[in-house]
Amino acid sequence: MAERTVTLLIVDDHPVVRDGLRGMFASSSGFEVLGEAANGAEGVALAARLDPDVVLMDLRMPGGGGVDAISELIRRGLRCKVLVLTTYDTDSDTLPAIEAGATGYLLKDAPRDELFTAVRAAAEGRTVLSPAVASRLVSRVRAPGNEPLSGREREVLRLVAKGTSNREIASVLFISEATVKTHLTHIYGKLGVKDRAAAVAVAYDRGILG
């Protein structure tokens, strides 16, 4: 029995990467690339119009990053699954993407067959993580409260300490409110706290805020 065709949308700011991915999927039966976008905002608009099974999403793109796009796809209730395909495997990239709602996270050096398998798994709603990302997540879960804050997380925390609202933080840092909330979630997890006041108190106690 033939496998059903999985439809795809490719979101990446590099034309060469998009061309390469399109060519790769075109050369294999069972996949159809419905469209391409150069940033997250374009990707959301195309996903709403084309209704793909899977969105292959890069993370860091001028004009609209992947995490905000994933959050917006979820907010709109679109049925597509998001498979992050990026060169970055740091916690500050991995965790926001997964918490925003990505079904899977692969690095761009993944072998072709692994990518095909991951896309099929994502289309079925199964979680796919590259080995490097999976091991980082396991380490993070096993050792909560010991991980250093990223530079952006420190910026957010400094503004929280000044009593700045999420909307104001978003405006100051030129990010979305959804991204601010994601950063706060990571900050709480890293500091082992559950709210803003506790985060600020622990940060002062540990010397993170001076």
Protein backbone atom coordinates (compact mmCIF):
# COMPACT_ATOMS: atom_id res chain seq x y z
CA MET A 1 0.00 0.00 0.00
CA ALA A 2 1.48 3.35 -1.09
CA GLU A 3 2.28 5.94 1.54
CA ARG A 4 0.16 9.06 1.32
CA THR A 5 1.85 12.18 -0.01
CA VAL A 6 2.98 14.60 2.70
CA THR A 7 2.60 18.25 1.72
CA LEU A 8 5.24 20.74 2.85
CA LEU A 9 5.91 24.44 3.25
CA ILE A 10 9.58 25.51 3.49
CA VAL A 11 10.34 28.60 5.60
CA ASP A 12 13.98 29.75 5.43
CA ASP A 13 15.61 33.09 4.66
CA HIS A 14 18.32 31.55 2.47
CA PRO A 15 17.22 30.92 -1.16
CA VAL A 16 19.96 28.31 -1.63
CA VAL A 17 18.66 26.32 1.35
CA ARG A 18 15.06 26.53 0.08
CA ASP A 19 16.15 25.43 -3.40
CA GLY A 20 18.13 22.53 -1.96
CA LEU A 21 15.27 21.33 0.20
CA ARG A 22 12.73 21.69 -2.60
CA GLY A 23 14.98 19.68 -4.93
CA MET A 24 15.54 17.01 -2.30
CA PHE A 25 11.83 16.48 -1.66
CA ALA A 26 10.95 16.71 -5.37
CA SER A 27 13.36 13.84 -6.07
CA SER A 28 11.55 11.56 -3.62
CA SER A 29 8.05 10.21 -4.09
CA GLY A 30 5.65 10.79 -1.26
CA PHE A 31 6.35 14.50 -0.75
CA GLU A 32 4.99 17.65 -2.34
CA VAL A 33 6.36 21.14 -1.63
CA LEU A 34 3.41 23.54 -1.81
CA GLY A 35 5.40 26.74 -1.31
CA GLU A 36 8.32 28.64 0.20
CA ALA A 37 8.63 31.64 2.49
CA ALA A 38 11.62 33.78 3.45
CA ASN A 39 10.53 34.63 7.00
CA GLY A 40 8.14 33.64 9.76
CA ALA A 41 5.40 36.16 8.94
CA GLU A 42 5.33 35.05 5.29
CA GLY A 43 5.34 31.45 6.46
CA VAL A 44 2.26 31.93 8.66
CA ALA A 45 0.36 33.64 5.82
CA LEU A 46 1.27 30.89 3.34
CA ALA A 47 0.47 28.11 5.81
CA ALA A 48 -2.99 29.60 6.33
CA ARG A 49 -3.53 29.72 2.56
CA LEU A 50 -1.90 26.46 1.43
CA ASP A 51 -2.78 24.19 4.41
CA PRO A 52 0.38 21.99 4.35
CA ASP A 53 0.80 18.89 6.49
CA VAL A 54 4.23 20.03 7.70
CA VAL A 55 6.05 23.37 7.89
CA LEU A 56 9.85 23.10 7.77
CA MET A 57 10.80 26.13 9.85
CA ASP A 58 14.15 27.87 10.26
CA LEU A 59 14.48 29.89 13.49
CA ARG A 60 16.60 32.99 13.02
CA MET A 61 15.26 35.00 10.07
CA PRO A 62 15.14 38.74 9.44
CA GLY A 63 11.58 40.00 9.08
CA GLY A 64 10.08 37.42 11.42
CA GLY A 65 11.69 34.57 13.35
CA GLY A 66 10.58 30.98 13.69
CA VAL A 67 9.48 30.96 17.34
CA ASP A 68 6.99 33.80 16.86
CA ALA A 69 5.73 32.09 13.70
CA ILE A 70 5.21 28.79 15.53
CA SER A 71 3.29 30.60 18.28
CA GLU A 72 1.09 32.30 15.69
CA LEU A 73 0.38 29.04 13.82
CA ILE A 74 -0.73 27.47 17.11
CA ARG A 75 -2.78 30.55 18.05
CA ARG A 76 -4.62 30.37 14.73
CA GLY A 77 -5.37 26.71 15.24
CA LEU A 78 -3.87 25.62 11.91
CA ARG A 79 -3.54 21.87 11.52
CA CYS A 80 0.03 21.87 10.15
CA LYS A 81 2.82 20.40 12.24
CA VAL A 82 6.06 22.39 12.56
CA LEU A 83 9.42 20.70 12.16
CA VAL A 84 12.24 23.09 13.03
CA LEU A 85 15.21 22.71 10.71
CA THR A 86 18.07 24.93 11.81
CA THR A 87 21.81 25.15 12.42
CA TYR A 88 21.29 26.15 16.08
CA ASP A 89 21.07 23.68 18.96
CA THR A 90 21.54 25.98 21.96
CA ASP A 91 18.98 25.94 24.75
CA SER A 92 17.98 29.53 23.94
CA ASP A 93 16.88 28.31 20.49
CA THR A 94 15.67 24.78 21.22
CA LEU A 95 13.45 25.36 24.24
CA PRO A 96 11.49 28.39 22.98
CA ALA A 97 10.71 26.56 19.72
CA ILE A 98 9.50 23.42 21.47
CA GLU A 99 7.53 25.36 24.07
CA ALA A 100 5.95 27.45 21.31
CA GLY A 101 4.57 24.24 19.84
CA ALA A 102 7.09 22.73 17.40
CA THR A 103 6.49 19.01 16.83
CA GLY A 104 10.14 18.34 16.10
CA TYR A 105 13.62 19.86 15.99
CA LEU A 106 16.32 18.80 13.56
CA LEU A 107 19.69 20.28 12.66
CA LYS A 108 20.53 21.10 9.05
CA ASP A 109 23.35 18.56 9.00
CA ALA A 110 20.80 15.73 9.39
CA PRO A 111 21.16 13.04 6.69
CA ARG A 112 18.57 13.11 3.92
CA ASP A 113 16.85 9.88 5.00
CA GLU A 114 16.63 11.12 8.59
CA LEU A 115 14.96 14.30 7.35
CA PHE A 116 12.44 12.35 5.27
CA THR A 117 11.63 10.10 8.23
CA ALA A 118 11.29 13.12 10.52
CA VAL A 119 8.89 14.88 8.14
CA ARG A 120 6.69 11.79 7.94
CA ALA A 121 6.75 11.42 11.72
CA ALA A 122 5.88 15.10 12.19
CA ALA A 123 2.98 14.77 9.75
CA GLU A 124 1.63 12.02 12.00
CA GLY A 125 2.06 14.22 15.08
CA ARG A 126 5.02 12.30 16.49
CA THR A 127 7.83 14.22 18.19
CA VAL A 128 11.21 14.13 16.46
CA LEU A 129 14.37 15.49 18.07
CA SER A 130 17.92 15.39 16.77
CA PRO A 131 20.16 13.40 19.17
CA ALA A 132 22.06 16.56 20.20
CA VAL A 133 18.85 18.40 21.04
CA ALA A 134 17.33 15.41 22.85
CA SER A 135 20.39 15.02 25.09
CA ARG A 136 20.32 18.74 25.95
CA LEU A 137 16.66 18.53 26.93
CA VAL A 138 17.26 15.46 29.09
CA SER A 139 20.15 17.23 30.85
CA ARG A 140 17.98 20.28 31.39
CA VAL A 141 15.17 18.24 32.93
CA ARG A 142 17.57 16.36 35.21
CA ALA A 143 19.28 19.51 36.49
CA PRO A 144 16.71 22.30 36.80
CA GLY A 145 17.78 25.56 38.42
CA ASN A 146 21.47 25.18 37.54
CA GLU A 147 21.51 26.49 34.00
CA PRO A 148 22.79 30.02 33.33
CA LEU A 149 20.43 32.59 31.87
CA SER A 150 21.02 33.69 28.29
CA GLY A 151 21.80 37.33 27.55
CA ARG A 152 18.25 37.98 26.36
CA GLU A 153 16.79 36.27 29.43
CA ARG A 154 18.88 38.58 31.64
CA GLU A 155 17.56 41.58 29.72
CA VAL A 156 13.99 40.43 30.27
CA LEU A 157 14.63 39.78 33.96
CA ARG A 158 16.19 43.23 34.47
CA LEU A 159 13.06 44.81 33.00
CA VAL A 160 10.82 42.59 35.15
CA ALA A 161 12.77 43.76 38.20
CA LYS A 162 11.87 47.34 37.26
CA GLY A 163 8.18 46.44 37.24
CA THR A 164 7.90 46.50 33.44
CA SER A 165 4.86 44.73 31.95
CA ASN A 166 5.13 42.03 29.27
CA ARG A 167 3.76 44.45 26.67
CA GLU A 168 6.32 47.11 27.61
CA ILE A 169 9.15 44.55 27.59
CA ALA A 170 8.09 43.44 24.10
CA SER A 171 8.18 47.06 22.93
CA VAL A 172 11.58 47.81 24.49
CA LEU A 173 13.23 44.64 23.11
CA PHE A 174 11.40 44.66 19.75
CA ILE A 175 9.98 41.18 20.26
CA SER A 176 6.43 39.84 20.56
CA GLU A 177 4.58 39.41 23.85
CA ALA A 178 4.50 35.66 23.12
CA THR A 179 8.30 35.64 23.01
CA VAL A 180 8.47 37.58 26.29
CA LYS A 181 6.25 34.93 27.90
CA THR A 182 8.47 32.19 26.48
CA HIS A 183 11.58 33.86 27.93
CA LEU A 184 9.83 34.16 31.31
CA THR A 185 8.94 30.46 31.22
CA HIS A 186 12.63 29.61 30.67
CA ILE A 187 13.73 32.01 33.39
CA TYR A 188 11.31 30.42 35.88
CA GLY A 189 12.54 26.96 34.92
CA LYS A 190 16.21 27.87 35.21
CA LEU A 191 15.76 29.61 38.55
CA GLY A 192 13.35 26.99 39.93
CA VAL A 193 10.57 29.51 40.62
CA LYS A 194 6.93 29.97 39.60
CA ASP A 195 6.37 33.71 39.33
CA ARG A 196 7.94 37.10 38.56
CA ALA A 197 8.50 38.18 42.17
CA ALA A 198 10.27 34.94 43.07
CA ALA A 199 12.39 35.13 39.92
CA VAL A 200 13.57 38.64 40.83
CA ALA A 201 14.26 37.63 44.45
CA VAL A 202 16.29 34.55 43.45
CA ALA A 203 18.15 36.54 40.77
CA TYR A 204 19.24 39.14 43.36
CA ASP A 205 20.14 36.37 45.80
CA ARG A 206 22.38 34.69 43.21
CA GLY A 207 23.94 37.95 42.06
CA ILE A 208 22.39 37.70 38.59
CA LEU A 209 20.88 41.17 38.97
CA GLY A 210 23.83 42.69 40.79
